[in-house]
Amino acid sequence: MENMQELLARKKGVVAAMQMMDRNAHFDSEEGRVYAQTLVKLVTIEMQIEAQEKEKIAR
């Protein structure tokens, strides 16, 4: 599992990439699919960050 700093760096990179994309692109276009995949990556990273925070609190 990645550490918190690595996850935050990945999140920052994904957010920067998403800002350059067209968020209004249709999902049936290539750009829309790439945006949706990037959004999934962002959510996954955020879930990993939350899991690590909860684990830290539980200790």
Protein backbone atom coordinates (compact mmCIF):
# COMPACT_ATOMS: atom_id res chain seq x y z
CA MET A 1 0.00 0.00 0.00
CA GLU A 2 1.29 3.44 -0.87
CA ASN A 3 2.08 5.93 1.84
CA MET A 4 0.10 9.12 2.34
CA GLN A 5 2.62 11.39 0.60
CA GLU A 6 2.63 9.25 -2.53
CA LEU A 7 -1.17 9.17 -2.60
CA LEU A 8 -1.41 12.95 -2.19
CA ALA A 9 1.13 13.43 -5.00
CA ARG A 10 -0.87 11.09 -7.29
CA LYS A 11 -4.08 12.91 -6.38
CA LYS A 12 -2.50 16.26 -7.22
CA GLY A 13 -1.38 14.93 -10.62
CA VAL A 14 -4.78 13.44 -11.44
CA VAL A 15 -6.58 16.64 -10.42
CA ALA A 16 -4.23 18.68 -12.62
CA ALA A 17 -4.88 16.37 -15.56
CA MET A 18 -8.63 16.59 -15.03
CA GLN A 19 -8.51 20.37 -15.05
CA MET A 20 -7.05 20.26 -18.56
CA MET A 21 -9.80 17.93 -19.83
CA ASP A 22 -13.23 18.83 -21.11
CA ARG A 23 -15.60 17.89 -18.30
CA ASN A 24 -18.57 18.35 -20.61
CA ALA A 25 -17.36 15.79 -23.14
CA HIS A 26 -19.83 13.05 -24.05
CA PHE A 27 -19.06 9.62 -22.66
CA ASP A 28 -19.38 8.10 -26.11
CA SER A 29 -16.33 10.08 -27.25
CA GLU A 30 -12.72 9.16 -26.51
CA GLU A 31 -12.20 12.31 -24.44
CA GLY A 32 -15.30 11.53 -22.38
CA ARG A 33 -14.09 8.01 -21.67
CA VAL A 34 -10.65 9.26 -20.65
CA TYR A 35 -12.25 11.83 -18.35
CA ALA A 36 -14.42 9.12 -16.75
CA GLN A 37 -11.41 6.83 -16.27
CA THR A 38 -9.45 9.69 -14.69
CA LEU A 39 -12.37 10.43 -12.39
CA VAL A 40 -12.40 6.79 -11.30
CA LYS A 41 -8.66 6.99 -10.55
CA LEU A 42 -9.26 10.11 -8.45
CA VAL A 43 -12.04 8.46 -6.46
CA THR A 44 -9.89 5.37 -5.89
CA ILE A 45 -7.01 7.49 -4.60
CA GLU A 46 -9.36 9.41 -2.30
CA MET A 47 -10.72 6.12 -0.95
CA GLN A 48 -7.20 4.90 -0.22
CA ILE A 49 -6.40 8.17 1.57
CA GLU A 50 -9.57 7.86 3.68
CA ALA A 51 -8.75 4.24 4.53
CA GLN A 52 -5.29 5.22 5.73
CA GLU A 53 -6.69 8.08 7.78
CA LYS A 54 -9.23 5.77 9.42
CA GLU A 55 -6.50 3.21 10.09
CA LYS A 56 -4.35 5.90 11.70
CA ILE A 57 -7.27 7.00 13.91
CA ALA A 58 -7.98 3.41 14.93
CA ARG A 59 -4.46 2.97 16.26
